[in-house]
PDB file of N, CA and C in Angstrom:
ATOM      1  N   UNK A   1      47.189 -38.618  52.868  1.00  0.00           N
ATOM      2  CA  UNK A   1      46.685 -37.409  53.467  1.00  0.00           C
ATOM      3  C   UNK A   1      45.305 -37.047  52.924  1.00  0.00           C
ATOM      4  N   UNK A   2      45.121 -37.270  51.627  1.00  0.00           N
ATOM      5  CA  UNK A   2      43.825 -36.963  51.025  1.00  0.00           C
ATOM      6  C   UNK A   2      42.711 -37.821  51.610  1.00  0.00           C
ATOM      7  N   UNK A   3      43.020 -39.084  51.881  1.00  0.00           N
ATOM      8  CA  UNK A   3      41.987 -39.958  52.444  1.00  0.00           C
ATOM      9  C   UNK A   3      41.627 -39.552  53.873  1.00  0.00           C
ATOM     10  N   UNK A   4      42.584 -39.070  54.624  1.00  0.00           N
ATOM     11  CA  UNK A   4      42.292 -38.597  55.976  1.00  0.00           C
ATOM     12  C   UNK A   4      41.355 -37.396  55.933  1.00  0.00           C
ATOM     13  N   UNK A   5      41.638 -36.471  55.041  1.00  0.00           N
ATOM     14  CA  UNK A   5      40.763 -35.308  54.886  1.00  0.00           C
ATOM     15  C   UNK A   5      39.384 -35.751  54.421  1.00  0.00           C
ATOM     16  N   UNK A   6      39.342 -36.700  53.504  1.00  0.00           N
ATOM     17  CA  UNK A   6      38.065 -37.201  52.993  1.00  0.00           C
ATOM     18  C   UNK A   6      37.264 -37.873  54.109  1.00  0.00           C
ATOM     19  N   UNK A   7      37.905 -38.644  54.959  1.00  0.00           N
ATOM     20  CA  UNK A   7      37.211 -39.315  56.057  1.00  0.00           C
ATOM     21  C   UNK A   7      36.736 -38.318  57.117  1.00  0.00           C
ATOM     22  N   UNK A   8      37.348 -37.166  57.193  1.00  0.00           N
ATOM     23  CA  UNK A   8      36.908 -36.140  58.137  1.00  0.00           C
ATOM     24  C   UNK A   8      35.784 -35.277  57.563  1.00  0.00           C
ATOM     25  N   UNK A   9      35.812 -35.029  56.264  1.00  0.00           N
ATOM     26  CA  UNK A   9      34.820 -34.148  55.661  1.00  0.00           C
ATOM     27  C   UNK A   9      33.510 -34.853  55.308  1.00  0.00           C
ATOM     28  N   UNK A  10      33.564 -36.116  54.922  1.00  0.00           N
ATOM     29  CA  UNK A  10      32.346 -36.833  54.524  1.00  0.00           C
ATOM     30  C   UNK A  10      31.325 -36.929  55.669  1.00  0.00           C
ATOM     31  N   UNK A  11      31.720 -37.282  56.889  1.00  0.00           N
ATOM     32  CA  UNK A  11      30.724 -37.277  57.972  1.00  0.00           C
ATOM     33  C   UNK A  11      30.168 -35.886  58.266  1.00  0.00           C
ATOM     34  N   UNK A  12      30.975 -34.855  58.092  1.00  0.00           N
ATOM     35  CA  UNK A  12      30.490 -33.495  58.289  1.00  0.00           C
ATOM     36  C   UNK A  12      29.393 -33.138  57.305  1.00  0.00           C
ATOM     37  N   UNK A  13      29.549 -33.570  56.064  1.00  0.00           N
ATOM     38  CA  UNK A  13      28.519 -33.327  55.056  1.00  0.00           C
ATOM     39  C   UNK A  13      27.242 -34.071  55.424  1.00  0.00           C
ATOM     40  N   UNK A  14      27.366 -35.324  55.801  1.00  0.00           N
ATOM     41  CA  UNK A  14      26.187 -36.123  56.131  1.00  0.00           C
ATOM     42  C   UNK A  14      25.470 -35.606  57.376  1.00  0.00           C
ATOM     43  N   UNK A  15      26.228 -35.234  58.394  1.00  0.00           N
ATOM     44  CA  UNK A  15      25.609 -34.737  59.633  1.00  0.00           C
ATOM     45  C   UNK A  15      24.879 -33.422  59.372  1.00  0.00           C
ATOM     46  N   UNK A  16      25.509 -32.520  58.644  1.00  0.00           N
ATOM     47  CA  UNK A  16      24.843 -31.243  58.363  1.00  0.00           C
ATOM     48  C   UNK A  16      23.640 -31.437  57.446  1.00  0.00           C
ATOM     49  N   UNK A  17      23.687 -32.406  56.547  1.00  0.00           N
ATOM     50  CA  UNK A  17      22.536 -32.717  55.699  1.00  0.00           C
ATOM     51  C   UNK A  17      21.364 -33.219  56.532  1.00  0.00           C
ATOM     52  N   UNK A  18      21.638 -34.113  57.473  1.00  0.00           N
ATOM     53  CA  UNK A  18      20.579 -34.653  58.327  1.00  0.00           C
ATOM     54  C   UNK A  18      19.952 -33.545  59.164  1.00  0.00           C
ATOM     55  N   UNK A  19      20.780 -32.686  59.758  1.00  0.00           N
ATOM     56  CA  UNK A  19      20.233 -31.590  60.556  1.00  0.00           C
ATOM     57  C   UNK A  19      19.455 -30.597  59.698  1.00  0.00           C
ATOM     58  N   UNK A  20      19.899 -30.366  58.468  1.00  0.00           N
ATOM     59  CA  UNK A  20      19.147 -29.474  57.572  1.00  0.00           C
ATOM     60  C   UNK A  20      17.758 -30.023  57.298  1.00  0.00           C
ATOM     61  N   UNK A  21      17.668 -31.307  57.047  1.00  0.00           N
ATOM     62  CA  UNK A  21      16.367 -31.934  56.780  1.00  0.00           C
ATOM     63  C   UNK A  21      15.489 -31.893  58.028  1.00  0.00           C
ATOM     64  N   UNK A  22      16.055 -32.195  59.181  1.00  0.00           N
ATOM     65  CA  UNK A  22      15.285 -32.175  60.429  1.00  0.00           C
ATOM     66  C   UNK A  22      14.730 -30.783  60.707  1.00  0.00           C
ATOM     67  N   UNK A  23      15.583 -29.762  60.600  1.00  0.00           N
ATOM     68  CA  UNK A  23      15.119 -28.403  60.864  1.00  0.00           C
ATOM     69  C   UNK A  23      14.135 -27.920  59.807  1.00  0.00           C
ATOM     70  N   UNK A  24      14.272 -28.412  58.586  1.00  0.00           N
ATOM     71  CA  UNK A  24      13.314 -28.051  57.542  1.00  0.00           C
ATOM     72  C   UNK A  24      11.927 -28.594  57.883  1.00  0.00           C
ATOM     73  N   UNK A  25      11.858 -29.855  58.285  1.00  0.00           N
ATOM     74  CA  UNK A  25      10.571 -30.438  58.668  1.00  0.00           C
ATOM     75  C   UNK A  25       9.981 -29.729  59.882  1.00  0.00           C
ATOM     76  N   UNK A  26      10.823 -29.432  60.884  1.00  0.00           N
ATOM     77  CA  UNK A  26      10.327 -28.745  62.067  1.00  0.00           C
ATOM     78  C   UNK A  26       9.820 -27.351  61.721  1.00  0.00           C
ATOM     79  N   UNK A  27      10.505 -26.684  60.808  1.00  0.00           N
ATOM     80  CA  UNK A  27      10.094 -25.348  60.406  1.00  0.00           C
ATOM     81  C   UNK A  27       8.748 -25.373  59.696  1.00  0.00           C
ATOM     82  N   UNK A  28       8.540 -26.344  58.839  1.00  0.00           N
ATOM     83  CA  UNK A  28       7.293 -26.419  58.087  1.00  0.00           C
ATOM     84  C   UNK A  28       6.114 -26.855  58.939  1.00  0.00           C
ATOM     85  N   UNK A  29       6.357 -27.605  59.991  1.00  0.00           N
ATOM     86  CA  UNK A  29       5.275 -28.122  60.821  1.00  0.00           C
ATOM     87  C   UNK A  29       4.970 -27.260  62.045  1.00  0.00           C
ATOM     88  N   UNK A  30       5.792 -26.287  62.325  1.00  0.00           N
ATOM     89  CA  UNK A  30       5.597 -25.461  63.512  1.00  0.00           C
ATOM     90  C   UNK A  30       4.460 -24.470  63.296  1.00  0.00           C
ATOM     91  N   UNK A  31       3.613 -24.336  64.312  1.00  0.00           N
ATOM     92  CA  UNK A  31       2.497 -23.391  64.241  1.00  0.00           C
ATOM     93  C   UNK A  31       2.915 -22.001  64.690  1.00  0.00           C
ATOM     94  N   UNK A  32       3.874 -21.917  65.587  1.00  0.00           N
ATOM     95  CA  UNK A  32       4.340 -20.649  66.124  1.00  0.00           C
ATOM     96  C   UNK A  32       5.309 -20.002  65.130  1.00  0.00           C
ATOM     97  N   UNK A  33       5.064 -18.739  64.800  1.00  0.00           N
ATOM     98  CA  UNK A  33       5.895 -18.041  63.815  1.00  0.00           C
ATOM     99  C   UNK A  33       7.332 -17.870  64.306  1.00  0.00           C
ATOM    100  N   UNK A  34       7.496 -17.633  65.604  1.00  0.00           N
ATOM    101  CA  UNK A  34       8.840 -17.459  66.163  1.00  0.00           C
ATOM    102  C   UNK A  34       9.647 -18.752  66.051  1.00  0.00           C
ATOM    103  N   UNK A  35       9.031 -19.862  66.429  1.00  0.00           N
ATOM    104  CA  UNK A  35       9.743 -21.143  66.344  1.00  0.00           C
ATOM    105  C   UNK A  35       9.998 -21.537  64.891  1.00  0.00           C
ATOM    106  N   UNK A  36       9.065 -21.219  64.011  1.00  0.00           N
ATOM    107  CA  UNK A  36       9.258 -21.508  62.591  1.00  0.00           C
ATOM    108  C   UNK A  36      10.477 -20.746  62.069  1.00  0.00           C
ATOM    109  N   UNK A  37      10.626 -19.490  62.490  1.00  0.00           N
ATOM    110  CA  UNK A  37      11.782 -18.706  62.080  1.00  0.00           C
ATOM    111  C   UNK A  37      13.082 -19.226  62.664  1.00  0.00           C
ATOM    112  N   UNK A  38      13.037 -19.657  63.920  1.00  0.00           N
ATOM    113  CA  UNK A  38      14.237 -20.210  64.551  1.00  0.00           C
ATOM    114  C   UNK A  38      14.671 -21.488  63.843  1.00  0.00           C
ATOM    115  N   UNK A  39      13.723 -22.364  63.536  1.00  0.00           N
ATOM    116  CA  UNK A  39      14.076 -23.605  62.833  1.00  0.00           C
ATOM    117  C   UNK A  39      14.584 -23.324  61.424  1.00  0.00           C
ATOM    118  N   UNK A  40      13.997 -22.345  60.740  1.00  0.00           N
ATOM    119  CA  UNK A  40      14.473 -21.995  59.401  1.00  0.00           C
ATOM    120  C   UNK A  40      15.886 -21.414  59.463  1.00  0.00           C
ATOM    121  N   UNK A  41      16.165 -20.624  60.494  1.00  0.00           N
ATOM    122  CA  UNK A  41      17.509 -20.064  60.658  1.00  0.00           C
ATOM    123  C   UNK A  41      18.526 -21.173  60.939  1.00  0.00           C
ATOM    124  N   UNK A  42      18.147 -22.127  61.774  1.00  0.00           N
ATOM    125  CA  UNK A  42      19.046 -23.256  62.049  1.00  0.00           C
ATOM    126  C   UNK A  42      19.273 -24.090  60.795  1.00  0.00           C
ATOM    127  N   UNK A  43      18.231 -24.240  59.973  1.00  0.00           N
ATOM    128  CA  UNK A  43      18.381 -24.959  58.712  1.00  0.00           C
ATOM    129  C   UNK A  43      19.372 -24.227  57.807  1.00  0.00           C
ATOM    130  N   UNK A  44      19.291 -22.885  57.746  1.00  0.00           N
ATOM    131  CA  UNK A  44      20.226 -22.113  56.936  1.00  0.00           C
ATOM    132  C   UNK A  44      21.658 -22.263  57.441  1.00  0.00           C
ATOM    133  N   UNK A  45      21.835 -22.292  58.749  1.00  0.00           N
ATOM    134  CA  UNK A  45      23.167 -22.472  59.316  1.00  0.00           C
ATOM    135  C   UNK A  45      23.731 -23.831  58.914  1.00  0.00           C
ATOM    136  N   UNK A  46      22.924 -24.873  59.036  1.00  0.00           N
ATOM    137  CA  UNK A  46      23.386 -26.216  58.671  1.00  0.00           C
ATOM    138  C   UNK A  46      23.674 -26.319  57.178  1.00  0.00           C
ATOM    139  N   UNK A  47      22.842 -25.693  56.362  1.00  0.00           N
ATOM    140  CA  UNK A  47      23.090 -25.717  54.921  1.00  0.00           C
ATOM    141  C   UNK A  47      24.356 -24.947  54.572  1.00  0.00           C
ATOM    142  N   UNK A  48      24.607 -23.845  55.268  1.00  0.00           N
ATOM    143  CA  UNK A  48      25.830 -23.094  55.035  1.00  0.00           C
ATOM    144  C   UNK A  48      27.067 -23.898  55.384  1.00  0.00           C
ATOM    145  N   UNK A  49      27.006 -24.601  56.508  1.00  0.00           N
ATOM    146  CA  UNK A  49      28.134 -25.458  56.899  1.00  0.00           C
ATOM    147  C   UNK A  49      28.345 -26.563  55.878  1.00  0.00           C
ATOM    148  N   UNK A  50      27.248 -27.171  55.424  1.00  0.00           N
ATOM    149  CA  UNK A  50      27.351 -28.237  54.436  1.00  0.00           C
ATOM    150  C   UNK A  50      27.961 -27.720  53.134  1.00  0.00           C
ATOM    151  N   UNK A  51      27.530 -26.549  52.667  1.00  0.00           N
ATOM    152  CA  UNK A  51      28.080 -25.998  51.436  1.00  0.00           C
ATOM    153  C   UNK A  51      29.550 -25.629  51.584  1.00  0.00           C
ATOM    154  N   UNK A  52      29.937 -25.147  52.754  1.00  0.00           N
ATOM    155  CA  UNK A  52      31.352 -24.848  52.978  1.00  0.00           C
ATOM    156  C   UNK A  52      32.201 -26.113  52.954  1.00  0.00           C
ATOM    157  N   UNK A  53      31.699 -27.187  53.541  1.00  0.00           N
ATOM    158  CA  UNK A  53      32.451 -28.441  53.529  1.00  0.00           C
ATOM    159  C   UNK A  53      32.543 -28.990  52.104  1.00  0.00           C
ATOM    160  N   UNK A  54      31.456 -28.895  51.346  1.00  0.00           N
ATOM    161  CA  UNK A  54      31.492 -29.338  49.945  1.00  0.00           C
ATOM    162  C   UNK A  54      32.496 -28.501  49.160  1.00  0.00           C
ATOM    163  N   UNK A  55      32.558 -27.209  49.449  1.00  0.00           N
ATOM    164  CA  UNK A  55      33.533 -26.348  48.774  1.00  0.00           C
ATOM    165  C   UNK A  55      34.957 -26.774  49.113  1.00  0.00           C
ATOM    166  N   UNK A  56      35.186 -27.134  50.375  1.00  0.00           N
ATOM    167  CA  UNK A  56      36.522 -27.607  50.760  1.00  0.00           C
ATOM    168  C   UNK A  56      36.889 -28.887  50.024  1.00  0.00           C
ATOM    169  N   UNK A  57      35.916 -29.775  49.869  1.00  0.00           N
ATOM    170  CA  UNK A  57      36.169 -31.011  49.119  1.00  0.00           C
ATOM    171  C   UNK A  57      36.534 -30.673  47.683  1.00  0.00           C
ATOM    172  N   UNK A  58      35.782 -29.784  47.058  1.00  0.00           N
ATOM    173  CA  UNK A  58      36.055 -29.418  45.673  1.00  0.00           C
ATOM    174  C   UNK A  58      37.416 -28.742  45.514  1.00  0.00           C
ATOM    175  N   UNK A  59      37.798 -27.934  46.475  1.00  0.00           N
ATOM    176  CA  UNK A  59      39.037 -27.180  46.338  1.00  0.00           C
ATOM    177  C   UNK A  59      40.280 -27.984  46.703  1.00  0.00           C
ATOM    178  N   UNK A  60      40.170 -28.884  47.672  1.00  0.00           N
ATOM    179  CA  UNK A  60      41.363 -29.557  48.162  1.00  0.00           C
ATOM    180  C   UNK A  60      41.514 -31.013  47.744  1.00  0.00           C
ATOM    181  N   UNK A  61      40.433 -31.685  47.435  1.00  0.00           N
ATOM    182  CA  UNK A  61      40.529 -33.114  47.170  1.00  0.00           C
ATOM    183  C   UNK A  61      40.374 -33.481  45.699  1.00  0.00           C
ATOM    184  N   UNK A  62      40.574 -32.559  44.818  1.00  0.00           N
ATOM    185  CA  UNK A  62      40.435 -32.872  43.407  1.00  0.00           C
ATOM    186  C   UNK A  62      41.636 -32.345  42.643  1.00  0.00           C
ATOM    187  N   UNK A  63      41.782 -32.871  41.465  1.00  0.00           N
ATOM    188  CA  UNK A  63      42.846 -32.376  40.610  1.00  0.00           C
ATOM    189  C   UNK A  63      42.555 -30.916  40.283  1.00  0.00           C
ATOM    190  N   UNK A  64      43.581 -30.153  40.109  1.00  0.00           N
ATOM    191  CA  UNK A  64      43.382 -28.725  39.889  1.00  0.00           C
ATOM    192  C   UNK A  64      42.866 -28.474  38.481  1.00  0.00           C
ATOM    193  N   UNK A  65      41.576 -28.241  38.390  1.00  0.00           N
ATOM    194  CA  UNK A  65      40.988 -27.828  37.126  1.00  0.00           C
ATOM    195  C   UNK A  65      40.200 -26.549  37.376  1.00  0.00           C
ATOM    196  N   UNK A  66      40.079 -25.762  36.362  1.00  0.00           N
ATOM    197  CA  UNK A  66      39.418 -24.472  36.499  1.00  0.00           C
ATOM    198  C   UNK A  66      37.960 -24.636  36.877  1.00  0.00           C
ATOM    199  N   UNK A  67      37.289 -25.621  36.298  1.00  0.00           N
ATOM    200  CA  UNK A  67      35.873 -25.833  36.581  1.00  0.00           C
ATOM    201  C   UNK A  67      35.651 -26.199  38.043  1.00  0.00           C
ATOM    202  N   UNK A  68      36.475 -27.066  38.605  1.00  0.00           N
ATOM    203  CA  UNK A  68      36.329 -27.446  40.015  1.00  0.00           C
ATOM    204  C   UNK A  68      36.606 -26.272  40.952  1.00  0.00           C
ATOM    205  N   UNK A  69      37.552 -25.445  40.592  1.00  0.00           N
ATOM    206  CA  UNK A  69      37.852 -24.283  41.420  1.00  0.00           C
ATOM    207  C   UNK A  69      36.689 -23.305  41.381  1.00  0.00           C
ATOM    208  N   UNK A  70      36.097 -23.109  40.220  1.00  0.00           N
ATOM    209  CA  UNK A  70      34.954 -22.206  40.099  1.00  0.00           C
ATOM    210  C   UNK A  70      33.760 -22.750  40.885  1.00  0.00           C
ATOM    211  N   UNK A  71      33.492 -24.039  40.767  1.00  0.00           N
ATOM    212  CA  UNK A  71      32.379 -24.654  41.505  1.00  0.00           C
ATOM    213  C   UNK A  71      32.640 -24.576  43.005  1.00  0.00           C
ATOM    214  N   UNK A  72      33.867 -24.848  43.430  1.00  0.00           N
ATOM    215  CA  UNK A  72      34.211 -24.745  44.846  1.00  0.00           C
ATOM    216  C   UNK A  72      34.053 -23.325  45.367  1.00  0.00           C
ATOM    217  N   UNK A  73      34.470 -22.352  44.578  1.00  0.00           N
ATOM    218  CA  UNK A  73      34.321 -20.956  45.002  1.00  0.00           C
ATOM    219  C   UNK A  73      32.851 -20.562  45.071  1.00  0.00           C
ATOM    220  N   UNK A  74      32.058 -21.037  44.121  1.00  0.00           N
ATOM    221  CA  UNK A  74      30.620 -20.744  44.137  1.00  0.00           C
ATOM    222  C   UNK A  74      29.952 -21.345  45.372  1.00  0.00           C
ATOM    223  N   UNK A  75      30.271 -22.602  45.679  1.00  0.00           N
ATOM    224  CA  UNK A  75      29.727 -23.240  46.881  1.00  0.00           C
ATOM    225  C   UNK A  75      30.179 -22.511  48.147  1.00  0.00           C
ATOM    226  N   UNK A  76      31.407 -22.017  48.149  1.00  0.00           N
ATOM    227  CA  UNK A  76      31.905 -21.311  49.316  1.00  0.00           C
ATOM    228  C   UNK A  76      31.147 -19.993  49.519  1.00  0.00           C
ATOM    229  N   UNK A  77      30.895 -19.273  48.446  1.00  0.00           N
ATOM    230  CA  UNK A  77      30.150 -18.018  48.559  1.00  0.00           C
ATOM    231  C   UNK A  77      28.724 -18.283  49.037  1.00  0.00           C
ATOM    232  N   UNK A  78      28.066 -19.298  48.464  1.00  0.00           N
ATOM    233  CA  UNK A  78      26.712 -19.645  48.895  1.00  0.00           C
ATOM    234  C   UNK A  78      26.688 -20.112  50.345  1.00  0.00           C
ATOM    235  N   UNK A  79      27.696 -20.883  50.740  1.00  0.00           N
ATOM    236  CA  UNK A  79      27.768 -21.372  52.113  1.00  0.00           C
ATOM    237  C   UNK A  79      27.959 -20.253  53.119  1.00  0.00           C
ATOM    238  N   UNK A  80      28.839 -19.315  52.812  1.00  0.00           N
ATOM    239  CA  UNK A  80      29.071 -18.185  53.725  1.00  0.00           C
ATOM    240  C   UNK A  80      27.812 -17.329  53.813  1.00  0.00           C
ATOM    241  N   UNK A  81      27.145 -17.106  52.673  1.00  0.00           N
ATOM    242  CA  UNK A  81      25.908 -16.329  52.691  1.00  0.00           C
ATOM    243  C   UNK A  81      24.843 -17.013  53.550  1.00  0.00           C
ATOM    244  N   UNK A  82      24.640 -18.322  53.372  1.00  0.00           N
ATOM    245  CA  UNK A  82      23.654 -19.054  54.179  1.00  0.00           C
ATOM    246  C   UNK A  82      24.015 -19.045  55.652  1.00  0.00           C
ATOM    247  N   UNK A  83      25.277 -19.207  55.954  1.00  0.00           N
ATOM    248  CA  UNK A  83      25.713 -19.234  57.348  1.00  0.00           C
ATOM    249  C   UNK A  83      25.443 -17.890  58.028  1.00  0.00           C
ATOM    250  N   UNK A  84      25.842 -16.802  57.398  1.00  0.00           N
ATOM    251  CA  UNK A  84      25.626 -15.499  58.012  1.00  0.00           C
ATOM    252  C   UNK A  84      24.156 -15.106  58.049  1.00  0.00           C
ATOM    253  N   UNK A  85      23.406 -15.445  57.009  1.00  0.00           N
ATOM    254  CA  UNK A  85      21.971 -15.151  57.029  1.00  0.00           C
ATOM    255  C   UNK A  85      21.279 -15.941  58.135  1.00  0.00           C
ATOM    256  N   UNK A  86      21.665 -17.195  58.309  1.00  0.00           N
ATOM    257  CA  UNK A  86      21.088 -18.002  59.371  1.00  0.00           C
ATOM    258  C   UNK A  86      21.431 -17.476  60.749  1.00  0.00           C
ATOM    259  N   UNK A  87      22.678 -17.073  60.948  1.00  0.00           N
ATOM    260  CA  UNK A  87      23.080 -16.520  62.247  1.00  0.00           C
ATOM    261  C   UNK A  87      22.358 -15.212  62.535  1.00  0.00           C
ATOM    262  N   UNK A  88      22.221 -14.360  61.523  1.00  0.00           N
ATOM    263  CA  UNK A  88      21.502 -13.099  61.711  1.00  0.00           C
ATOM    264  C   UNK A  88      20.034 -13.347  62.051  1.00  0.00           C
ATOM    265  N   UNK A  89      19.392 -14.232  61.286  1.00  0.00           N
ATOM    266  CA  UNK A  89      17.980 -14.526  61.532  1.00  0.00           C
ATOM    267  C   UNK A  89      17.770 -15.194  62.885  1.00  0.00           C
ATOM    268  N   UNK A  90      18.681 -16.060  63.278  1.00  0.00           N
ATOM    269  CA  UNK A  90      18.558 -16.722  64.573  1.00  0.00           C
ATOM    270  C   UNK A  90      18.624 -15.703  65.706  1.00  0.00           C
ATOM    271  N   UNK A  91      19.537 -14.743  65.593  1.00  0.00           N
ATOM    272  CA  UNK A  91      19.620 -13.733  66.654  1.00  0.00           C
ATOM    273  C   UNK A  91      18.372 -12.848  66.668  1.00  0.00           C
ATOM    274  N   UNK A  92      17.806 -12.562  65.503  1.00  0.00           N
ATOM    275  CA  UNK A  92      16.580 -11.761  65.455  1.00  0.00           C
ATOM    276  C   UNK A  92      15.388 -12.502  66.045  1.00  0.00           C
ATOM    277  N   UNK A  93      15.235 -13.771  65.688  1.00  0.00           N
ATOM    278  CA  UNK A  93      14.087 -14.526  66.178  1.00  0.00           C
ATOM    279  C   UNK A  93      14.202 -14.858  67.654  1.00  0.00           C
ATOM    280  N   UNK A  94      15.417 -14.996  68.162  1.00  0.00           N
ATOM    281  CA  UNK A  94      15.591 -15.266  69.592  1.00  0.00           C
ATOM    282  C   UNK A  94      15.193 -14.063  70.441  1.00  0.00           C
ATOM    283  N   UNK A  95      15.382 -12.858  69.903  1.00  0.00           N
ATOM    284  CA  UNK A  95      15.035 -11.667  70.676  1.00  0.00           C
ATOM    285  C   UNK A  95      13.547 -11.341  70.579  1.00  0.00           C
ATOM    286  N   UNK A  96      12.828 -11.954  69.651  1.00  0.00           N
ATOM    287  CA  UNK A  96      11.390 -11.711  69.548  1.00  0.00           C
ATOM    288  C   UNK A  96      10.675 -12.285  70.770  1.00  0.00           C
ATOM    289  N   UNK A  97       9.608 -11.634  71.143  1.00  0.00           N
ATOM    290  CA  UNK A  97       8.803 -12.144  72.254  1.00  0.00           C
ATOM    291  C   UNK A  97       7.785 -13.112  71.716  1.00  0.00           C
ATOM    292  N   UNK A  98       7.422 -14.067  72.534  1.00  0.00           N
ATOM    293  CA  UNK A  98       6.471 -15.114  72.108  1.00  0.00           C
ATOM    294  C   UNK A  98       5.115 -14.555  71.793  1.00  0.00           C
TER     295      UNK A  98
END
C-alpha cells in the first residue's frame, strides 16, 4: 500500500515542481505587470500543492517519529498558506484591467 501511495505522490511532486519553475520564469520575463502577477500567483499555487504533497509523504510514508511529524506539519502549513495566497492573488490580478 505504501508503494502505491508513493507512486501516486512522486509524479505530483515532480509535475508541480516543473510548473513552479515554468511560471517563475514567465513571471520574471513578463513586461506586463498584470501578467507578471498572474504568473507569480500560479507559481504560488503550484508551490503550495507541491508542499502539501511533500507534507503527505512525510506524514504517511515514514516511520512515526516526532521530527517527521513536525516537518510534515510545517510543510503543510506553508503549503496551505502558499495555496491560498496564490488563489487570492490570482483572483485579484484577473480582475485588474490591462
